[in-house]
C-alpha atoms as a PDB file:
ATOM      1  CA  GLY A   1      10.364   0.448  14.097  1.00  0.00           C
ATOM      2  CA  LEU A   2       7.244  -1.874  13.661  1.00  0.00           C
ATOM      3  CA  SER A   3       4.009  -1.134  15.192  1.00  0.00           C
ATOM      4  CA  VAL A   4       0.625  -2.809  15.336  1.00  0.00           C
ATOM      5  CA  ASN A   5      -2.535  -1.193  13.937  1.00  0.00           C
ATOM      6  CA  GLN A   6      -5.126  -1.789  16.577  1.00  0.00           C
ATOM      7  CA  GLU A   7      -7.899  -1.013  14.143  1.00  0.00           C
ATOM      8  CA  SER A   8      -7.118  -3.851  11.889  1.00  0.00           C
ATOM      9  CA  ASN A   9      -9.082  -7.152  12.037  1.00  0.00           C
ATOM     10  CA  ILE A  10      -6.319  -8.979  10.380  1.00  0.00           C
ATOM     11  CA  PRO A  11      -4.362 -11.295  12.742  1.00  0.00           C
ATOM     12  CA  ASP A  12      -0.627 -10.530  13.121  1.00  0.00           C
ATOM     13  CA  ASP A  13       0.284 -14.026  11.575  1.00  0.00           C
ATOM     14  CA  HIS A  14      -2.097 -13.482   8.440  1.00  0.00           C
ATOM     15  CA  ILE A  15      -0.169 -14.861   5.492  1.00  0.00           C
ATOM     16  CA  SER A  16       0.204 -11.493   3.715  1.00  0.00           C
ATOM     17  CA  CYS A  17       1.903 -10.066   6.750  1.00  0.00           C
ATOM     18  CA  VAL A  18       4.144 -13.022   6.940  1.00  0.00           C
ATOM     19  CA  LEU A  19       5.038 -12.656   3.272  1.00  0.00           C
ATOM     20  CA  GLU A  20       5.730  -9.005   3.536  1.00  0.00           C
ATOM     21  CA  LEU A  21       8.052  -9.326   6.381  1.00  0.00           C
ATOM     22  CA  THR A  22       9.938 -12.081   4.320  1.00  0.00           C
ATOM     23  CA  THR A  23      10.218  -9.769   1.343  1.00  0.00           C
ATOM     24  CA  LEU A  24      11.370  -6.791   3.641  1.00  0.00           C
ATOM     25  CA  LEU A  25      14.019  -9.149   5.147  1.00  0.00           C
ATOM     26  CA  LEU A  26      15.119 -10.359   1.612  1.00  0.00           C
ATOM     27  CA  ALA A  27      15.358  -6.680   0.329  1.00  0.00           C
ATOM     28  CA  ASN A  28      17.395  -5.733   3.500  1.00  0.00           C
ATOM     29  CA  THR A  29      19.658  -8.869   3.298  1.00  0.00           C
ATOM     30  CA  ARG A  30      20.749  -7.653  -0.178  1.00  0.00           C
ATOM     31  CA  GLN A  31      21.847  -4.383   1.325  1.00  0.00           C
ATOM     32  CA  THR A  32      23.447  -5.479   4.571  1.00  0.00           C
ATOM     33  CA  SER A  33      24.603  -8.932   5.559  1.00  0.00           C
ATOM     34  CA  PRO A  34      23.275  -8.789   9.223  1.00  0.00           C
ATOM     35  CA  TYR A  35      19.895  -9.428   7.876  1.00  0.00           C
ATOM     36  CA  ARG A  36      20.845 -12.671   6.588  1.00  0.00           C
ATOM     37  CA  SER A  37      20.933 -14.290   9.941  1.00  0.00           C
ATOM     38  CA  THR A  38      17.633 -12.885  10.845  1.00  0.00           C
ATOM     39  CA  LEU A  39      16.019 -14.045   7.552  1.00  0.00           C
ATOM     40  CA  THR A  40      17.674 -17.486   7.993  1.00  0.00           C
ATOM     41  CA  GLN A  41      16.289 -17.994  11.506  1.00  0.00           C
ATOM     42  CA  TYR A  42      12.872 -16.603  10.310  1.00  0.00           C
ATOM     43  CA  ILE A  43      12.806 -19.080   7.561  1.00  0.00           C
ATOM     44  CA  ASN A  44      13.953 -22.158   9.448  1.00  0.00           C
ATOM     45  CA  ASN A  45      12.237 -21.397  12.736  1.00  0.00           C
ATOM     46  CA  TYR A  46       8.890 -19.796  11.672  1.00  0.00           C
ATOM     47  CA  LEU A  47       7.953 -20.115   7.844  1.00  0.00           C
ATOM     48  CA  THR A  48       8.888 -23.801   7.688  1.00  0.00           C
ATOM     49  CA  LYS A  49       6.965 -24.705  10.725  1.00  0.00           C
ATOM     50  CA  TRP A  50       3.585 -24.072   9.403  1.00  0.00           C
ATOM     51  CA  VAL A  51       3.512 -22.445   5.879  1.00  0.00           C
ATOM     52  CA  PRO A  52       3.887 -25.919   4.205  1.00  0.00           C
ATOM     53  CA  LEU A  53       0.715 -27.180   5.856  1.00  0.00           C
ATOM     54  CA  TYR A  54      -1.037 -24.028   5.115  1.00  0.00           C
ATOM     55  CA  ILE A  55      -0.145 -24.527   1.430  1.00  0.00           C
ATOM     56  CA  GLU A  56      -1.320 -28.050   1.414  1.00  0.00           C
ATOM     57  CA  LYS A  57      -4.646 -26.998   2.827  1.00  0.00           C
ATOM     58  CA  ILE A  58      -5.054 -24.090   0.230  1.00  0.00           C
ATOM     59  CA  LYS A  59      -4.283 -26.713  -2.518  1.00  0.00           C
ATOM     60  CA  THR A  60      -6.704 -29.185  -1.030  1.00  0.00           C
ATOM     61  CA  HIS A  61      -9.637 -26.638  -0.560  1.00  0.00           C
ATOM     62  CA  ALA A  62      -8.952 -24.357  -3.699  1.00  0.00           C
ATOM     63  CA  GLN A  63     -12.123 -23.786  -5.630  1.00  0.00           C
ATOM     64  CA  THR A  64     -10.272 -22.201  -8.561  1.00  0.00           C
ATOM     65  CA  THR A  65      -7.292 -23.045 -10.705  1.00  0.00           C
ATOM     66  CA  THR A  66      -5.972 -19.509  -9.757  1.00  0.00           C
ATOM     67  CA  LEU A  67      -5.941 -20.074  -6.002  1.00  0.00           C
ATOM     68  CA  TYR A  68      -4.343 -23.399  -6.631  1.00  0.00           C
ATOM     69  CA  THR A  69      -1.597 -21.937  -8.851  1.00  0.00           C
ATOM     70  CA  VAL A  70      -0.966 -19.189  -6.270  1.00  0.00           C
ATOM     71  CA  ALA A  71      -0.305 -21.908  -3.517  1.00  0.00           C
ATOM     72  CA  ASP A  72       1.937 -23.860  -6.041  1.00  0.00           C
ATOM     73  CA  ILE A  73       3.932 -20.571  -6.685  1.00  0.00           C
ATOM     74  CA  LEU A  74       4.172 -19.919  -2.811  1.00  0.00           C
ATOM     75  CA  PHE A  75       5.423 -23.795  -2.381  1.00  0.00           C
ATOM     76  CA  TYR A  76       8.210 -23.328  -4.923  1.00  0.00           C
ATOM     77  CA  TRP A  77       9.139 -19.884  -3.488  1.00  0.00           C
ATOM     78  CA  LEU A  78       9.367 -21.254   0.045  1.00  0.00           C
ATOM     79  CA  ASP A  79      11.370 -24.405  -1.106  1.00  0.00           C
ATOM     80  CA  GLU A  80      13.906 -21.937  -2.799  1.00  0.00           C
ATOM     81  CA  LEU A  81      14.112 -19.747   0.319  1.00  0.00           C
ATOM     82  CA  LYS A  82      14.756 -22.906   2.410  1.00  0.00           C
ATOM     83  CA  ARG A  83      17.530 -24.060   0.030  1.00  0.00           C
ATOM     84  CA  GLU A  84      19.215 -20.644  -0.081  1.00  0.00           C
ATOM     85  CA  TYR A  85      18.816 -19.749   3.560  1.00  0.00           C
ATOM     86  CA  GLN A  86      19.529 -23.060   5.230  1.00  0.00           C
ATOM     87  CA  TYR A  87      21.459 -23.013   8.657  1.00  0.00           C
ATOM     88  CA  GLU A  88      25.087 -23.049   7.870  1.00  0.00           C
END
């Protein structure tokens, strides 16, 4: 099961946690199909609601080319996920 580390100062919706859950769901989707429905809901009902705006804010305020490029990669990855895991 999942648990929350009470000693951490990282909020539960911190982008690294969000991306980690996405990759875990992706890995499990390849193993067993019931995870596909969960991943589809997660992408369509959660990620697409705020991550695109988050990416735009990163790109607007990025002070380095590296950070801007990482935001660009995240944008294209999310776009790929949306296409592959649209509601059927």
